[in-house]
Amino acid sequence: MIETLLSFAFATVILAISPGPDNIFVLTQSIVNGKKFGLATVYGLISGCLLHTTLLAFGVSAIINESKNLFFAVKLFGSIYLVYLAFKVYKSDASIILSEENIAQKTTLQLFKQGFIMNVLNPKVSIFFLAFFPGFLFSDSLSTVIQFYVLGLLFMLVSLIIFSIIAILAGVISAKIKENKNIGLYLKWTQIVVFMLIAVYILF
């Protein structure tokens, strides 16, 4: 149980620090407007994960109760989707582009709402949760709904810590990215390896 949760937390850390629309958005907001505004964005993004966790918990739990074969199909889909994500990362440009121009000044409440809406209305988040979470169910005695909520809250906690560090240390992180052009390449390959390992782990 502990080993499974630690593996899940470690994978979440890697995925949270890998460049993507969410953490780049947090980084640029913090650089341009200040860490308070970056943190407001973080809180909105993380809050949206609760809705995705709820949909997953009740939806996939119903599938598990219905049929083990159906649940295996969900895990197979998850593995294939993660391999597809690894391929997309492989084909993508490794450079990290920080566009700090034309970022409108918004209040912290507006940024919280924007982060929340960005997350909730992004179908890719739901698909990713569906691919990522089922392989990390960790108990035969706890209900699957509770297990999915535990995983969801752990995902939110780890992401909150990583994204908050990005917001608070935005200036330092931005300077390091500009100094070291290979950072994007290192993170790109780390992300590819993690996606592939999770895909294998979920399936087998």
Foldseek 3Di string as FASTA:
>chain_A
DVVLLVLLLVLLLLVLPADDPQLLVLLLCCVQPNLLLSLLLLLLQLVLLVVLLQCLLVVLLVQVVVDPVSNLVLQLLLLVVLLVVLVVLVPDDLFDDRDNPPDDDDDSNVSSNVSNCVNNVDVVSSSNLSSQPPLSQDDPPDRSSVSSVVSSVSSSVSSSVSSSCCSNCSVVVVVVSVVDRCPSVVSSVSSSVSSNVSSVSSND
